[in-house]
């Protein structure tokens, strides 16, 4: 399937032809350019990888919430220490994936 990119906002459309107007910004059909095969394949691969990064971010937030509950429970100092360290690691994991997504956006690995 062909991919078309809006020059006005960067929205990527999948289809045999560009849309009449951009669903994101309303730009005219003439603002769309068809991506070449290499760029279209990169967008498709990037969609998969970016979805995986989004899952990591969501899971890290869930780990953070569990750790906050464990810290609040205060069963003993050892548990609080484990939950505190795990929360910090979850935060780092989340930030790694967020940073990688930002890099992907800057390199056009998005769409």
PDB file of N, CA and C in Angstrom:
ATOM      1  N   UNK A   1       0.840  -1.176   0.000  1.00  0.00           N
ATOM      2  CA  UNK A   1       0.000   0.000   0.000  1.00  0.00           C
ATOM      3  C   UNK A   1       0.888   1.242   0.000  1.00  0.00           C
ATOM      4  N   UNK A   2       0.495   2.219  -0.767  1.00  0.00           N
ATOM      5  CA  UNK A   2       1.258   3.461  -0.860  1.00  0.00           C
ATOM      6  C   UNK A   2       1.120   4.285   0.417  1.00  0.00           C
ATOM      7  N   UNK A   3       2.120   5.113   0.662  1.00  0.00           N
ATOM      8  CA  UNK A   3       2.100   6.033   1.796  1.00  0.00           C
ATOM      9  C   UNK A   3       2.312   7.446   1.266  1.00  0.00           C
ATOM     10  N   UNK A   4       1.529   8.375   1.815  1.00  0.00           N
ATOM     11  CA  UNK A   4       1.555   9.767   1.393  1.00  0.00           C
ATOM     12  C   UNK A   4       1.801  10.632   2.610  1.00  0.00           C
ATOM     13  N   UNK A   5       2.705  11.601   2.489  1.00  0.00           N
ATOM     14  CA  UNK A   5       3.042  12.454   3.626  1.00  0.00           C
ATOM     15  C   UNK A   5       2.605  13.894   3.349  1.00  0.00           C
ATOM     16  N   UNK A   6       1.919  14.471   4.330  1.00  0.00           N
ATOM     17  CA  UNK A   6       1.481  15.858   4.238  1.00  0.00           C
ATOM     18  C   UNK A   6       2.675  16.772   4.508  1.00  0.00           C
ATOM     19  N   UNK A   7       2.936  17.671   3.559  1.00  0.00           N
ATOM     20  CA  UNK A   7       4.046  18.611   3.714  1.00  0.00           C
ATOM     21  C   UNK A   7       3.760  19.653   4.789  1.00  0.00           C
ATOM     22  N   UNK A   8       2.484  19.880   5.085  1.00  0.00           N
ATOM     23  CA  UNK A   8       2.122  20.911   6.056  1.00  0.00           C
ATOM     24  C   UNK A   8       2.323  20.447   7.497  1.00  0.00           C
ATOM     25  N   UNK A   9       1.953  19.191   7.799  1.00  0.00           N
ATOM     26  CA  UNK A   9       2.003  18.755   9.200  1.00  0.00           C
ATOM     27  C   UNK A   9       2.757  17.451   9.432  1.00  0.00           C
ATOM     28  N   UNK A  10       3.058  16.699   8.367  1.00  0.00           N
ATOM     29  CA  UNK A  10       3.794  15.447   8.527  1.00  0.00           C
ATOM     30  C   UNK A  10       2.921  14.217   8.656  1.00  0.00           C
ATOM     31  N   UNK A  11       1.605  14.378   8.632  1.00  0.00           N
ATOM     32  CA  UNK A  11       0.692  13.227   8.722  1.00  0.00           C
ATOM     33  C   UNK A  11       0.984  12.253   7.586  1.00  0.00           C
ATOM     34  N   UNK A  12       0.995  10.948   7.874  1.00  0.00           N
ATOM     35  CA  UNK A  12       1.224   9.925   6.852  1.00  0.00           C
ATOM     36  C   UNK A  12      -0.080   9.175   6.613  1.00  0.00           C
ATOM     37  N   UNK A  13      -0.505   9.183   5.365  1.00  0.00           N
ATOM     38  CA  UNK A  13      -1.742   8.523   4.942  1.00  0.00           C
ATOM     39  C   UNK A  13      -1.391   7.245   4.203  1.00  0.00           C
ATOM     40  N   UNK A  14      -2.131   6.173   4.469  1.00  0.00           N
ATOM     41  CA  UNK A  14      -1.966   4.910   3.759  1.00  0.00           C
ATOM     42  C   UNK A  14      -3.122   4.773   2.771  1.00  0.00           C
ATOM     43  N   UNK A  15      -2.807   4.538   1.508  1.00  0.00           N
ATOM     44  CA  UNK A  15      -3.855   4.354   0.513  1.00  0.00           C
ATOM     45  C   UNK A  15      -3.308   4.446  -0.894  1.00  0.00           C
ATOM     46  N   UNK A  16      -4.148   4.080  -1.852  1.00  0.00           N
ATOM     47  CA  UNK A  16      -3.726   4.124  -3.248  1.00  0.00           C
ATOM     48  C   UNK A  16      -3.544   5.555  -3.747  1.00  0.00           C
ATOM     49  N   UNK A  17      -4.235   6.503  -3.113  1.00  0.00           N
ATOM     50  CA  UNK A  17      -4.146   7.900  -3.509  1.00  0.00           C
ATOM     51  C   UNK A  17      -4.112   8.763  -2.248  1.00  0.00           C
ATOM     52  N   UNK A  18      -3.617   9.963  -2.374  1.00  0.00           N
ATOM     53  CA  UNK A  18      -3.626  10.909  -1.249  1.00  0.00           C
ATOM     54  C   UNK A  18      -5.076  11.287  -0.930  1.00  0.00           C
ATOM     55  N   UNK A  19      -5.365  11.614   0.321  1.00  0.00           N
ATOM     56  CA  UNK A  19      -6.740  12.030   0.655  1.00  0.00           C
ATOM     57  C   UNK A  19      -7.048  13.408   0.064  1.00  0.00           C
ATOM     58  N   UNK A  20      -8.336  13.716  -0.069  1.00  0.00           N
ATOM     59  CA  UNK A  20      -8.751  15.013  -0.614  1.00  0.00           C
ATOM     60  C   UNK A  20      -8.234  16.156   0.259  1.00  0.00           C
ATOM     61  N   UNK A  21      -8.263  15.951   1.564  1.00  0.00           N
ATOM     62  CA  UNK A  21      -7.702  16.912   2.522  1.00  0.00           C
ATOM     63  C   UNK A  21      -7.036  16.123   3.631  1.00  0.00           C
ATOM     64  N   UNK A  22      -6.083  16.745   4.270  1.00  0.00           N
ATOM     65  CA  UNK A  22      -5.371  16.091   5.366  1.00  0.00           C
ATOM     66  C   UNK A  22      -6.308  15.935   6.564  1.00  0.00           C
ATOM     67  N   UNK A  23      -6.456  14.712   7.085  1.00  0.00           N
ATOM     68  CA  UNK A  23      -7.308  14.510   8.256  1.00  0.00           C
ATOM     69  C   UNK A  23      -6.807  15.240   9.501  1.00  0.00           C
ATOM     70  N   UNK A  24      -5.512  15.537   9.545  1.00  0.00           N
ATOM     71  CA  UNK A  24      -4.922  16.198  10.717  1.00  0.00           C
ATOM     72  C   UNK A  24      -5.046  17.715  10.656  1.00  0.00           C
ATOM     73  N   UNK A  25      -4.615  18.295   9.524  1.00  0.00           N
ATOM     74  CA  UNK A  25      -4.540  19.763   9.460  1.00  0.00           C
ATOM     75  C   UNK A  25      -5.447  20.404   8.419  1.00  0.00           C
ATOM     76  N   UNK A  26      -6.073  19.590   7.566  1.00  0.00           N
ATOM     77  CA  UNK A  26      -6.974  20.130   6.560  1.00  0.00           C
ATOM     78  C   UNK A  26      -6.297  20.601   5.290  1.00  0.00           C
ATOM     79  N   UNK A  27      -4.994  20.385   5.147  1.00  0.00           N
ATOM     80  CA  UNK A  27      -4.282  20.813   3.937  1.00  0.00           C
ATOM     81  C   UNK A  27      -4.859  20.116   2.708  1.00  0.00           C
ATOM     82  N   UNK A  28      -4.749  20.779   1.575  1.00  0.00           N
ATOM     83  CA  UNK A  28      -5.264  20.231   0.316  1.00  0.00           C
ATOM     84  C   UNK A  28      -4.454  19.018  -0.130  1.00  0.00           C
ATOM     85  N   UNK A  29      -5.081  18.208  -0.984  1.00  0.00           N
ATOM     86  CA  UNK A  29      -4.462  17.000  -1.526  1.00  0.00           C
ATOM     87  C   UNK A  29      -3.088  17.282  -2.134  1.00  0.00           C
ATOM     88  N   UNK A  30      -2.938  18.459  -2.726  1.00  0.00           N
ATOM     89  CA  UNK A  30      -1.679  18.822  -3.372  1.00  0.00           C
ATOM     90  C   UNK A  30      -0.508  18.925  -2.390  1.00  0.00           C
ATOM     91  N   UNK A  31      -0.800  19.009  -1.124  1.00  0.00           N
ATOM     92  CA  UNK A  31       0.254  19.088  -0.105  1.00  0.00           C
ATOM     93  C   UNK A  31       0.861  17.714   0.208  1.00  0.00           C
ATOM     94  N   UNK A  32       0.258  16.642  -0.326  1.00  0.00           N
ATOM     95  CA  UNK A  32       0.749  15.291  -0.063  1.00  0.00           C
ATOM     96  C   UNK A  32       1.738  14.859  -1.133  1.00  0.00           C
ATOM     97  N   UNK A  33       2.812  14.207  -0.687  1.00  0.00           N
ATOM     98  CA  UNK A  33       3.795  13.615  -1.592  1.00  0.00           C
ATOM     99  C   UNK A  33       3.868  12.123  -1.289  1.00  0.00           C
ATOM    100  N   UNK A  34       3.942  11.342  -2.344  1.00  0.00           N
ATOM    101  CA  UNK A  34       4.062   9.895  -2.150  1.00  0.00           C
ATOM    102  C   UNK A  34       5.473   9.570  -1.661  1.00  0.00           C
ATOM    103  N   UNK A  35       5.549   8.738  -0.623  1.00  0.00           N
ATOM    104  CA  UNK A  35       6.852   8.309  -0.113  1.00  0.00           C
ATOM    105  C   UNK A  35       7.430   7.240  -1.031  1.00  0.00           C
ATOM    106  N   UNK A  36       8.737   7.276  -1.240  1.00  0.00           N
ATOM    107  CA  UNK A  36       9.360   6.219  -2.032  1.00  0.00           C
ATOM    108  C   UNK A  36       9.349   4.923  -1.223  1.00  0.00           C
ATOM    109  N   UNK A  37       9.684   3.822  -1.865  1.00  0.00           N
ATOM    110  CA  UNK A  37       9.608   2.510  -1.213  1.00  0.00           C
ATOM    111  C   UNK A  37      10.433   2.432   0.067  1.00  0.00           C
ATOM    112  N   UNK A  38      11.642   2.984   0.030  1.00  0.00           N
ATOM    113  CA  UNK A  38      12.512   2.929   1.216  1.00  0.00           C
ATOM    114  C   UNK A  38      11.891   3.702   2.378  1.00  0.00           C
ATOM    115  N   UNK A  39      11.377   4.894   2.108  1.00  0.00           N
ATOM    116  CA  UNK A  39      10.756   5.710   3.167  1.00  0.00           C
ATOM    117  C   UNK A  39       9.486   5.051   3.685  1.00  0.00           C
ATOM    118  N   UNK A  40       8.697   4.455   2.787  1.00  0.00           N
ATOM    119  CA  UNK A  40       7.462   3.779   3.201  1.00  0.00           C
ATOM    120  C   UNK A  40       7.773   2.569   4.079  1.00  0.00           C
ATOM    121  N   UNK A  41       8.796   1.814   3.729  1.00  0.00           N
ATOM    122  CA  UNK A  41       9.194   0.657   4.545  1.00  0.00           C
ATOM    123  C   UNK A  41       9.701   1.109   5.911  1.00  0.00           C
ATOM    124  N   UNK A  42      10.430   2.212   5.950  1.00  0.00           N
ATOM    125  CA  UNK A  42      10.927   2.746   7.220  1.00  0.00           C
ATOM    126  C   UNK A  42       9.763   3.171   8.117  1.00  0.00           C
ATOM    127  N   UNK A  43       8.763   3.820   7.545  1.00  0.00           N
ATOM    128  CA  UNK A  43       7.580   4.218   8.320  1.00  0.00           C
ATOM    129  C   UNK A  43       6.897   2.977   8.893  1.00  0.00           C
ATOM    130  N   UNK A  44       6.732   1.947   8.072  1.00  0.00           N
ATOM    131  CA  UNK A  44       6.054   0.723   8.531  1.00  0.00           C
ATOM    132  C   UNK A  44       6.832   0.060   9.662  1.00  0.00           C
ATOM    133  N   UNK A  45       8.135  -0.076   9.508  1.00  0.00           N
ATOM    134  CA  UNK A  45       8.961  -0.663  10.569  1.00  0.00           C
ATOM    135  C   UNK A  45       8.928   0.200  11.821  1.00  0.00           C
ATOM    136  N   UNK A  46       8.992   1.514  11.624  1.00  0.00           N
ATOM    137  CA  UNK A  46       8.988   2.434  12.756  1.00  0.00           C
ATOM    138  C   UNK A  46       7.691   2.372  13.528  1.00  0.00           C
ATOM    139  N   UNK A  47       6.573   2.202  12.832  1.00  0.00           N
ATOM    140  CA  UNK A  47       5.285   2.084  13.520  1.00  0.00           C
ATOM    141  C   UNK A  47       5.315   0.922  14.502  1.00  0.00           C
ATOM    142  N   UNK A  48       5.885  -0.189  14.065  1.00  0.00           N
ATOM    143  CA  UNK A  48       5.969  -1.367  14.944  1.00  0.00           C
ATOM    144  C   UNK A  48       6.869  -1.084  16.154  1.00  0.00           C
ATOM    145  N   UNK A  49       8.064  -0.570  15.893  1.00  0.00           N
ATOM    146  CA  UNK A  49       9.005  -0.307  16.980  1.00  0.00           C
ATOM    147  C   UNK A  49       8.471   0.758  17.939  1.00  0.00           C
ATOM    148  N   UNK A  50       7.853   1.810  17.398  1.00  0.00           N
ATOM    149  CA  UNK A  50       7.313   2.861  18.262  1.00  0.00           C
ATOM    150  C   UNK A  50       6.165   2.329  19.122  1.00  0.00           C
ATOM    151  N   UNK A  51       5.379   1.398  18.580  1.00  0.00           N
ATOM    152  CA  UNK A  51       4.323   0.776  19.379  1.00  0.00           C
ATOM    153  C   UNK A  51       4.934  -0.040  20.522  1.00  0.00           C
ATOM    154  N   UNK A  52       6.057  -0.713  20.239  1.00  0.00           N
ATOM    155  CA  UNK A  52       6.737  -1.461  21.302  1.00  0.00           C
ATOM    156  C   UNK A  52       7.262  -0.514  22.379  1.00  0.00           C
ATOM    157  N   UNK A  53       7.836   0.602  21.967  1.00  0.00           N
ATOM    158  CA  UNK A  53       8.307   1.590  22.953  1.00  0.00           C
ATOM    159  C   UNK A  53       7.137   2.121  23.783  1.00  0.00           C
ATOM    160  N   UNK A  54       6.000   2.337  23.148  1.00  0.00           N
ATOM    161  CA  UNK A  54       4.820   2.806  23.886  1.00  0.00           C
ATOM    162  C   UNK A  54       4.380   1.781  24.919  1.00  0.00           C
ATOM    163  N   UNK A  55       4.483   0.516  24.570  1.00  0.00           N
ATOM    164  CA  UNK A  55       4.145  -0.542  25.540  1.00  0.00           C
ATOM    165  C   UNK A  55       5.120  -0.538  26.712  1.00  0.00           C
ATOM    166  N   UNK A  56       6.417  -0.367  26.423  1.00  0.00           N
ATOM    167  CA  UNK A  56       7.412  -0.307  27.498  1.00  0.00           C
ATOM    168  C   UNK A  56       7.091   0.856  28.433  1.00  0.00           C
ATOM    169  N   UNK A  57       6.746   2.008  27.866  1.00  0.00           N
ATOM    170  CA  UNK A  57       6.406   3.181  28.676  1.00  0.00           C
ATOM    171  C   UNK A  57       5.206   2.881  29.561  1.00  0.00           C
ATOM    172  N   UNK A  58       4.184   2.261  28.990  1.00  0.00           N
ATOM    173  CA  UNK A  58       2.992   1.922  29.770  1.00  0.00           C
ATOM    174  C   UNK A  58       3.330   0.921  30.887  1.00  0.00           C
ATOM    175  N   UNK A  59       4.102  -0.094  30.563  1.00  0.00           N
ATOM    176  CA  UNK A  59       4.483  -1.083  31.579  1.00  0.00           C
ATOM    177  C   UNK A  59       5.334  -0.456  32.679  1.00  0.00           C
ATOM    178  N   UNK A  60       6.230   0.435  32.304  1.00  0.00           N
ATOM    179  CA  UNK A  60       7.059   1.113  33.305  1.00  0.00           C
ATOM    180  C   UNK A  60       6.182   1.932  34.254  1.00  0.00           C
ATOM    181  N   UNK A  61       5.163   2.579  33.718  1.00  0.00           N
ATOM    182  CA  UNK A  61       4.227   3.339  34.572  1.00  0.00           C
ATOM    183  C   UNK A  61       3.477   2.410  35.521  1.00  0.00           C
ATOM    184  N   UNK A  62       3.133   1.223  35.039  1.00  0.00           N
ATOM    185  CA  UNK A  62       2.463   0.246  35.906  1.00  0.00           C
ATOM    186  C   UNK A  62       3.402  -0.229  37.015  1.00  0.00           C
ATOM    187  N   UNK A  63       4.663  -0.487  36.672  1.00  0.00           N
ATOM    188  CA  UNK A  63       5.647  -0.893  37.681  1.00  0.00           C
ATOM    189  C   UNK A  63       5.821   0.227  38.704  1.00  0.00           C
ATOM    190  N   UNK A  64       5.875   1.456  38.223  1.00  0.00           N
ATOM    191  CA  UNK A  64       6.003   2.601  39.114  1.00  0.00           C
ATOM    192  C   UNK A  64       4.843   2.650  40.116  1.00  0.00           C
ATOM    193  N   UNK A  65       3.625   2.408  39.640  1.00  0.00           N
ATOM    194  CA  UNK A  65       2.450   2.428  40.527  1.00  0.00           C
ATOM    195  C   UNK A  65       2.513   1.309  41.560  1.00  0.00           C
ATOM    196  N   UNK A  66       2.945   0.123  41.139  1.00  0.00           N
ATOM    197  CA  UNK A  66       3.076  -0.996  42.075  1.00  0.00           C
ATOM    198  C   UNK A  66       4.131  -0.668  43.128  1.00  0.00           C
ATOM    199  N   UNK A  67       5.237  -0.108  42.690  1.00  0.00           N
ATOM    200  CA  UNK A  67       6.304   0.249  43.630  1.00  0.00           C
ATOM    201  C   UNK A  67       5.832   1.318  44.615  1.00  0.00           C
ATOM    202  N   UNK A  68       5.069   2.287  44.149  1.00  0.00           N
ATOM    203  CA  UNK A  68       4.528   3.300  45.061  1.00  0.00           C
ATOM    204  C   UNK A  68       3.646   2.653  46.130  1.00  0.00           C
ATOM    205  N   UNK A  69       2.849   1.666  45.739  1.00  0.00           N
ATOM    206  CA  UNK A  69       2.027   0.943  46.717  1.00  0.00           C
ATOM    207  C   UNK A  69       2.899   0.187  47.711  1.00  0.00           C
ATOM    208  N   UNK A  70       3.966  -0.441  47.196  1.00  0.00           N
ATOM    209  CA  UNK A  70       4.872  -1.181  48.076  1.00  0.00           C
ATOM    210  C   UNK A  70       5.613  -0.282  49.050  1.00  0.00           C
ATOM    211  N   UNK A  71       5.995   0.890  48.578  1.00  0.00           N
ATOM    212  CA  UNK A  71       6.669   1.858  49.451  1.00  0.00           C
ATOM    213  C   UNK A  71       5.706   2.333  50.532  1.00  0.00           C
ATOM    214  N   UNK A  72       4.480   2.618  50.145  1.00  0.00           N
ATOM    215  CA  UNK A  72       3.473   3.086  51.111  1.00  0.00           C
ATOM    216  C   UNK A  72       3.127   2.006  52.132  1.00  0.00           C
ATOM    217  N   UNK A  73       3.197   0.736  51.716  1.00  0.00           N
ATOM    218  CA  UNK A  73       2.873  -0.379  52.615  1.00  0.00           C
ATOM    219  C   UNK A  73       3.887  -0.501  53.748  1.00  0.00           C
ATOM    220  N   UNK A  74       5.156  -0.180  53.466  1.00  0.00           N
ATOM    221  CA  UNK A  74       6.220  -0.176  54.476  1.00  0.00           C
ATOM    222  C   UNK A  74       6.291  -1.439  55.320  1.00  0.00           C
ATOM    223  N   UNK A  75       6.244  -2.622  54.689  1.00  0.00           N
ATOM    224  CA  UNK A  75       6.327  -3.854  55.470  1.00  0.00           C
ATOM    225  C   UNK A  75       7.614  -3.898  56.280  1.00  0.00           C
ATOM    226  N   UNK A  76       8.719  -3.608  55.599  1.00  0.00           N
ATOM    227  CA  UNK A  76      10.000  -3.540  56.310  1.00  0.00           C
ATOM    228  C   UNK A  76      10.984  -2.762  55.447  1.00  0.00           C
ATOM    229  N   UNK A  77      12.105  -2.346  56.032  1.00  0.00           N
ATOM    230  CA  UNK A  77      13.065  -1.528  55.272  1.00  0.00           C
ATOM    231  C   UNK A  77      13.578  -2.201  53.995  1.00  0.00           C
ATOM    232  N   UNK A  78      13.740  -3.517  54.033  1.00  0.00           N
ATOM    233  CA  UNK A  78      14.220  -4.230  52.841  1.00  0.00           C
ATOM    234  C   UNK A  78      13.242  -4.110  51.686  1.00  0.00           C
ATOM    235  N   UNK A  79      11.953  -4.269  51.989  1.00  0.00           N
ATOM    236  CA  UNK A  79      10.925  -4.140  50.947  1.00  0.00           C
ATOM    237  C   UNK A  79      10.885  -2.722  50.388  1.00  0.00           C
ATOM    238  N   UNK A  80      10.930  -1.749  51.277  1.00  0.00           N
ATOM    239  CA  UNK A  80      10.907  -0.350  50.831  1.00  0.00           C
ATOM    240  C   UNK A  80      12.101  -0.079  49.922  1.00  0.00           C
ATOM    241  N   UNK A  81      13.253  -0.621  50.275  1.00  0.00           N
ATOM    242  CA  UNK A  81      14.457  -0.436  49.465  1.00  0.00           C
ATOM    243  C   UNK A  81      14.278  -1.052  48.070  1.00  0.00           C
ATOM    244  N   UNK A  82      13.752  -2.270  48.009  1.00  0.00           N
ATOM    245  CA  UNK A  82      13.536  -2.931  46.718  1.00  0.00           C
ATOM    246  C   UNK A  82      12.552  -2.140  45.872  1.00  0.00           C
ATOM    247  N   UNK A  83      11.437  -1.717  46.476  1.00  0.00           N
ATOM    248  CA  UNK A  83      10.440  -0.955  45.723  1.00  0.00           C
ATOM    249  C   UNK A  83      10.988   0.402  45.275  1.00  0.00           C
ATOM    250  N   UNK A  84      11.781   1.029  46.119  1.00  0.00           N
ATOM    251  CA  UNK A  84      12.361   2.322  45.764  1.00  0.00           C
ATOM    252  C   UNK A  84      13.333   2.181  44.592  1.00  0.00           C
ATOM    253  N   UNK A  85      14.203   1.174  44.656  1.00  0.00           N
ATOM    254  CA  UNK A  85      15.150   0.944  43.562  1.00  0.00           C
ATOM    255  C   UNK A  85      14.429   0.524  42.277  1.00  0.00           C
ATOM    256  N   UNK A  86      13.415  -0.314  42.410  1.00  0.00           N
ATOM    257  CA  UNK A  86      12.665  -0.769  41.234  1.00  0.00           C
ATOM    258  C   UNK A  86      11.919   0.388  40.583  1.00  0.00           C
ATOM    259  N   UNK A  87      11.379   1.287  41.398  1.00  0.00           N
ATOM    260  CA  UNK A  87      10.685   2.455  40.853  1.00  0.00           C
ATOM    261  C   UNK A  87      11.660   3.316  40.048  1.00  0.00           C
ATOM    262  N   UNK A  88      12.861   3.477  40.574  1.00  0.00           N
ATOM    263  CA  UNK A  88      13.877   4.263  39.858  1.00  0.00           C
ATOM    264  C   UNK A  88      14.237   3.597  38.528  1.00  0.00           C
ATOM    265  N   UNK A  89      14.395   2.275  38.521  1.00  0.00           N
ATOM    266  CA  UNK A  89      14.713   1.560  37.281  1.00  0.00           C
ATOM    267  C   UNK A  89      13.564   1.667  36.275  1.00  0.00           C
ATOM    268  N   UNK A  90      12.326   1.580  36.760  1.00  0.00           N
ATOM    269  CA  UNK A  90      11.170   1.715  35.867  1.00  0.00           C
ATOM    270  C   UNK A  90      11.155   3.104  35.236  1.00  0.00           C
ATOM    271  N   UNK A  91      11.465   4.116  36.032  1.00  0.00           N
ATOM    272  CA  UNK A  91      11.514   5.489  35.525  1.00  0.00           C
ATOM    273  C   UNK A  91      12.567   5.603  34.423  1.00  0.00           C
ATOM    274  N   UNK A  92      13.732   5.008  34.651  1.00  0.00           N
ATOM    275  CA  UNK A  92      14.796   5.049  33.651  1.00  0.00           C
ATOM    276  C   UNK A  92      14.378   4.334  32.372  1.00  0.00           C
ATOM    277  N   UNK A  93      13.752   3.163  32.489  1.00  0.00           N
ATOM    278  CA  UNK A  93      13.273   2.437  31.313  1.00  0.00           C
ATOM    279  C   UNK A  93      12.313   3.301  30.510  1.00  0.00           C
ATOM    280  N   UNK A  94      11.398   3.941  31.213  1.00  0.00           N
ATOM    281  CA  UNK A  94      10.421   4.794  30.556  1.00  0.00           C
ATOM    282  C   UNK A  94      11.122   5.929  29.808  1.00  0.00           C
ATOM    283  N   UNK A  95      12.075   6.568  30.463  1.00  0.00           N
ATOM    284  CA  UNK A  95      12.783   7.688  29.846  1.00  0.00           C
ATOM    285  C   UNK A  95      13.607   7.242  28.637  1.00  0.00           C
ATOM    286  N   UNK A  96      14.206   6.045  28.703  1.00  0.00           N
ATOM    287  CA  UNK A  96      14.954   5.519  27.558  1.00  0.00           C
ATOM    288  C   UNK A  96      14.038   5.405  26.339  1.00  0.00           C
ATOM    289  N   UNK A  97      12.866   4.801  26.533  1.00  0.00           N
ATOM    290  CA  UNK A  97      11.949   4.617  25.408  1.00  0.00           C
ATOM    291  C   UNK A  97      11.395   5.949  24.911  1.00  0.00           C
ATOM    292  N   UNK A  98      11.114   6.866  25.822  1.00  0.00           N
ATOM    293  CA  UNK A  98      10.627   8.181  25.396  1.00  0.00           C
ATOM    294  C   UNK A  98      11.687   8.915  24.578  1.00  0.00           C
ATOM    295  N   UNK A  99      12.928   8.820  25.008  1.00  0.00           N
ATOM    296  CA  UNK A  99      14.018   9.466  24.292  1.00  0.00           C
ATOM    297  C   UNK A  99      14.189   8.853  22.907  1.00  0.00           C
ATOM    298  N   UNK A 100      14.095   7.538  22.832  1.00  0.00           N
ATOM    299  CA  UNK A 100      14.230   6.862  21.535  1.00  0.00           C
ATOM    300  C   UNK A 100      13.099   7.271  20.590  1.00  0.00           C
ATOM    301  N   UNK A 101      11.895   7.417  21.119  1.00  0.00           N
ATOM    302  CA  UNK A 101      10.789   7.875  20.281  1.00  0.00           C
ATOM    303  C   UNK A 101      11.036   9.294  19.767  1.00  0.00           C
ATOM    304  N   UNK A 102      11.582  10.137  20.617  1.00  0.00           N
ATOM    305  CA  UNK A 102      11.899  11.503  20.179  1.00  0.00           C
ATOM    306  C   UNK A 102      12.925  11.477  19.052  1.00  0.00           C
ATOM    307  N   UNK A 103      13.925  10.620  19.178  1.00  0.00           N
ATOM    308  CA  UNK A 103      14.933  10.473  18.128  1.00  0.00           C
ATOM    309  C   UNK A 103      14.272   9.996  16.841  1.00  0.00           C
ATOM    310  N   UNK A 104      13.358   9.039  16.960  1.00  0.00           N
ATOM    311  CA  UNK A 104      12.658   8.537  15.772  1.00  0.00           C
ATOM    312  C   UNK A 104      11.886   9.662  15.075  1.00  0.00           C
ATOM    313  N   UNK A 105      11.228  10.488  15.845  1.00  0.00           N
ATOM    314  CA  UNK A 105      10.471  11.593  15.252  1.00  0.00           C
ATOM    315  C   UNK A 105      11.396  12.543  14.489  1.00  0.00           C
ATOM    316  N   UNK A 106      12.537  12.866  15.083  1.00  0.00           N
ATOM    317  CA  UNK A 106      13.479  13.778  14.451  1.00  0.00           C
ATOM    318  C   UNK A 106      14.059  13.188  13.167  1.00  0.00           C
ATOM    319  N   UNK A 107      14.161  11.859  13.101  1.00  0.00           N
ATOM    320  CA  UNK A 107      14.723  11.192  11.926  1.00  0.00           C
ATOM    321  C   UNK A 107      13.647  10.796  10.919  1.00  0.00           C
ATOM    322  N   UNK A 108      12.399  11.143  11.168  1.00  0.00           N
ATOM    323  CA  UNK A 108      11.322  10.785  10.260  1.00  0.00           C
ATOM    324  C   UNK A 108      10.885   9.331  10.370  1.00  0.00           C
ATOM    325  N   UNK A 109      11.283   8.677  11.455  1.00  0.00           N
ATOM    326  CA  UNK A 109      10.885   7.284  11.680  1.00  0.00           C
ATOM    327  C   UNK A 109       9.576   7.255  12.467  1.00  0.00           C
ATOM    328  N   UNK A 110       8.568   7.771  11.847  1.00  0.00           N
ATOM    329  CA  UNK A 110       7.266   7.927  12.505  1.00  0.00           C
ATOM    330  C   UNK A 110       6.246   7.992  11.399  1.00  0.00           C
ATOM    331  N   UNK A 111       5.015   7.780  11.706  1.00  0.00           N
ATOM    332  CA  UNK A 111       3.998   7.999  10.680  1.00  0.00           C
ATOM    333  C   UNK A 111       2.846   7.070  10.733  1.00  0.00           C
TER     334      UNK A 111
END
